[in-house]
Amino acid sequence: QNLRVAFAQFHEARALADAARAAEFLFVSARLAATRERASAEASRNGNVRVTKDELIGFDARWEVDLWGRVRRSIEAGESLAQSSAADLENLRLGIQAELARDYFLLRANDAQRRLLDDAVAAYAKSLDLTRHRYRAGIALPVDVAQAETQYKTTRAQALDLGIARAQLEHAIAVLMGR
């Protein structure tokens, strides 16, 4: 939305500059109007014969002499405003592109971290299963089982948090792309 607003402001500034530039040129306009009025046949029998014919032709030309530089300064101000709006537009566009690139790379890093966490969850699940078997065989202590469960559940929770972070990055990218 910000990009659309900046784009509209740029076009507005460009139009103002063009309007200021138009003051340098001769302004010419012409008008042509015709009126014709005729009474109906019944009105002419009653003696109300009225025929009117008006024609109007007009011509207008204007040009402002720029003795003190007002028109020239107005044009320069309009062009400066347009250049400033163009720079603002490009600055905003660059900022959005930088944010998009940042979010994309964070998403890819998130994916790589997610693969590592998925491997770690699988390894801790096997370790927990092995520790439980060792406990049943009398080789491991209950604290060993509790520690293996804690490692497994903590790593699984981290993987879930990473999934939420990925979804947030996807939404941020979608917003930046206007989807």
Protein backbone atom coordinates (compact mmCIF):
# COMPACT_ATOMS: atom_id res chain seq x y z
CA GLN A 1 0.00 0.00 0.00
CA ASN A 2 2.83 2.38 0.81
CA LEU A 3 4.32 1.77 -2.61
CA ARG A 4 0.99 2.54 -4.28
CA VAL A 5 0.67 5.79 -2.30
CA ALA A 6 4.22 6.83 -3.25
CA PHE A 7 3.49 5.97 -6.89
CA ALA A 8 0.34 8.12 -6.83
CA GLN A 9 2.25 11.00 -5.21
CA PHE A 10 4.90 10.74 -7.92
CA HIS A 11 2.28 10.97 -10.67
CA GLU A 12 0.62 13.90 -8.90
CA ALA A 13 3.95 15.75 -8.68
CA ARG A 14 4.65 15.00 -12.35
CA ALA A 15 1.22 16.39 -13.31
CA LEU A 16 1.84 19.54 -11.27
CA ALA A 17 5.18 20.02 -13.02
CA ASP A 18 3.50 19.57 -16.39
CA ALA A 19 0.80 22.08 -15.43
CA ALA A 20 3.44 24.60 -14.38
CA ARG A 21 5.32 24.02 -17.64
CA ALA A 22 2.12 24.67 -19.59
CA ALA A 23 2.10 28.27 -18.32
CA GLU A 24 5.06 28.99 -20.62
CA PHE A 25 3.00 28.39 -23.72
CA LEU A 26 0.29 30.36 -25.45
CA PHE A 27 -3.21 29.33 -24.37
CA VAL A 28 -5.74 29.44 -27.19
CA SER A 29 -9.44 28.62 -27.02
CA ALA A 30 -12.32 29.05 -29.45
CA ARG A 31 -16.06 29.02 -28.93
CA LEU A 32 -18.84 28.58 -31.41
CA ALA A 33 -22.48 28.74 -30.46
CA ALA A 34 -25.63 29.07 -32.57
CA THR A 35 -29.25 29.54 -31.54
CA ARG A 36 -32.18 29.31 -33.86
CA GLU A 37 -35.75 29.70 -32.75
CA ARG A 38 -38.79 29.35 -34.94
CA ALA A 39 -42.45 29.51 -34.02
CA SER A 40 -44.81 26.66 -34.79
CA ALA A 41 -47.32 26.85 -37.69
CA GLU A 42 -50.20 27.51 -35.23
CA ALA A 43 -48.33 30.38 -33.60
CA SER A 44 -47.77 31.99 -37.01
CA ARG A 45 -51.56 31.86 -37.73
CA ASN A 46 -52.21 33.72 -34.50
CA GLY A 47 -49.82 36.45 -35.53
CA ASN A 48 -47.05 35.46 -33.15
CA VAL A 49 -44.45 34.98 -35.78
CA ARG A 50 -41.10 35.00 -34.14
CA VAL A 51 -37.93 33.91 -35.81
CA THR A 52 -34.66 34.42 -33.97
CA LYS A 53 -31.22 33.59 -35.16
CA ASP A 54 -28.18 34.13 -32.93
CA GLU A 55 -24.69 33.15 -33.79
CA LEU A 56 -21.73 33.59 -31.52
CA ILE A 57 -18.15 32.99 -32.43
CA GLY A 58 -15.45 33.60 -29.86
CA PHE A 59 -11.71 33.38 -29.76
CA ASP A 60 -9.43 33.77 -26.77
CA ALA A 61 -5.67 33.73 -26.51
CA ARG A 62 -3.56 34.24 -23.38
CA TRP A 63 0.11 34.25 -22.65
CA GLU A 64 1.83 35.36 -19.49
CA VAL A 65 5.04 37.29 -19.88
CA ASP A 66 7.55 35.94 -17.37
CA LEU A 67 9.29 39.20 -16.50
CA TRP A 68 10.13 38.33 -12.89
CA GLY A 69 10.68 34.59 -13.36
CA ARG A 70 7.54 33.45 -11.52
CA VAL A 71 6.59 30.93 -14.22
CA ARG A 72 10.17 29.67 -14.51
CA ARG A 73 10.45 29.26 -10.71
CA SER A 74 7.09 27.52 -10.64
CA ILE A 75 8.31 25.07 -13.28
CA GLU A 76 11.55 24.45 -11.37
CA ALA A 77 9.61 23.88 -8.14
CA GLY A 78 7.29 21.43 -9.89
CA GLU A 79 10.19 19.53 -11.41
CA SER A 80 12.00 19.42 -8.05
CA LEU A 81 8.86 18.08 -6.39
CA ALA A 82 8.54 15.42 -9.08
CA GLN A 83 12.20 14.43 -8.66
CA SER A 84 11.76 14.27 -4.89
CA SER A 85 8.67 12.09 -5.26
CA ALA A 86 10.52 9.82 -7.70
CA ALA A 87 13.38 9.48 -5.21
CA ASP A 88 10.92 8.70 -2.40
CA LEU A 89 9.26 6.09 -4.58
CA GLU A 90 12.56 4.42 -5.43
CA ASN A 91 13.70 4.58 -1.80
CA LEU A 92 10.49 2.90 -0.67
CA ARG A 93 10.75 0.30 -3.44
CA LEU A 94 14.35 -0.46 -2.43
CA GLY A 95 13.34 -0.77 1.23
CA ILE A 96 10.57 -3.21 0.36
CA GLN A 97 12.93 -5.25 -1.83
CA ALA A 98 15.53 -5.35 0.97
CA GLU A 99 12.90 -6.49 3.47
CA LEU A 100 11.69 -9.12 1.02
CA ALA A 101 15.23 -10.44 0.51
CA ARG A 102 15.82 -10.49 4.28
CA ASP A 103 12.61 -12.42 4.92
CA TYR A 104 13.38 -14.85 2.11
CA PHE A 105 16.85 -15.65 3.49
CA LEU A 106 15.41 -16.01 7.00
CA LEU A 107 12.86 -18.45 5.57
CA ARG A 108 15.59 -20.51 3.91
CA ALA A 109 17.64 -20.51 7.13
CA ASN A 110 14.51 -21.57 8.99
CA ASP A 111 14.08 -24.48 6.57
CA ALA A 112 17.67 -25.61 7.11
CA GLN A 113 17.28 -25.36 10.87
CA ARG A 114 14.00 -27.26 10.65
CA ARG A 115 15.72 -30.15 8.84
CA LEU A 116 18.35 -30.31 11.58
CA LEU A 117 15.71 -30.23 14.31
CA ASP A 118 13.68 -32.96 12.58
CA ASP A 119 16.81 -35.14 12.50
CA ALA A 120 17.47 -34.34 16.16
CA VAL A 121 13.84 -35.19 17.13
CA ALA A 122 14.18 -38.54 15.36
CA ALA A 123 17.52 -39.21 17.12
CA TYR A 124 16.13 -38.25 20.56
CA ALA A 125 13.07 -40.46 19.95
CA LYS A 126 15.38 -43.43 19.32
CA SER A 127 17.46 -42.50 22.35
CA LEU A 128 14.33 -42.33 24.53
CA ASP A 129 13.17 -45.72 23.27
CA LEU A 130 16.62 -47.22 23.95
CA THR A 131 16.75 -45.65 27.43
CA ARG A 132 13.31 -47.11 28.27
CA HIS A 133 14.47 -50.57 27.17
CA ARG A 134 17.59 -50.21 29.29
CA TYR A 135 15.43 -49.14 32.26
CA ARG A 136 13.19 -52.20 31.86
CA ALA A 137 16.30 -54.37 31.71
CA GLY A 138 17.55 -52.76 34.92
CA ILE A 139 20.57 -51.12 33.35
CA ALA A 140 19.34 -47.47 33.41
CA LEU A 141 17.94 -45.35 36.23
CA PRO A 142 14.56 -43.55 36.20
CA VAL A 143 16.42 -40.25 36.01
CA ASP A 144 17.97 -41.37 32.71
CA VAL A 145 14.47 -41.97 31.27
CA ALA A 146 13.28 -38.56 32.52
CA GLN A 147 16.31 -36.85 31.00
CA ALA A 148 15.78 -38.59 27.63
CA GLU A 149 12.07 -37.58 27.65
CA THR A 150 12.99 -33.97 28.43
CA GLN A 151 15.49 -33.81 25.56
CA TYR A 152 12.97 -35.33 23.16
CA LYS A 153 10.06 -33.05 24.17
CA THR A 154 12.21 -29.90 24.23
CA THR A 155 13.56 -30.54 20.75
CA ARG A 156 10.07 -31.34 19.43
CA ALA A 157 8.77 -28.05 20.92
CA GLN A 158 11.59 -26.15 19.22
CA ALA A 159 10.60 -27.74 15.91
CA LEU A 160 6.99 -26.61 16.43
CA ASP A 161 8.12 -23.06 17.27
CA LEU A 162 10.19 -23.04 14.11
CA GLY A 163 7.09 -24.04 12.12
CA ILE A 164 5.21 -21.05 13.54
CA ALA A 165 8.13 -18.73 12.71
CA ARG A 166 8.14 -20.08 9.15
CA ALA A 167 4.44 -19.38 8.75
CA GLN A 168 4.99 -15.80 9.97
CA LEU A 169 7.80 -15.33 7.45
CA GLU A 170 5.57 -16.68 4.66
CA HIS A 171 2.85 -14.19 5.61
CA ALA A 172 5.36 -11.33 5.73
CA ILE A 173 6.60 -12.23 2.24
CA ALA A 174 3.02 -12.46 0.97
CA VAL A 175 2.22 -9.00 2.37
CA LEU A 176 5.33 -7.49 0.80
CA MET A 177 4.38 -9.01 -2.56
CA GLY A 178 0.80 -7.74 -2.26
CA ARG A 179 -0.84 -11.17 -2.08
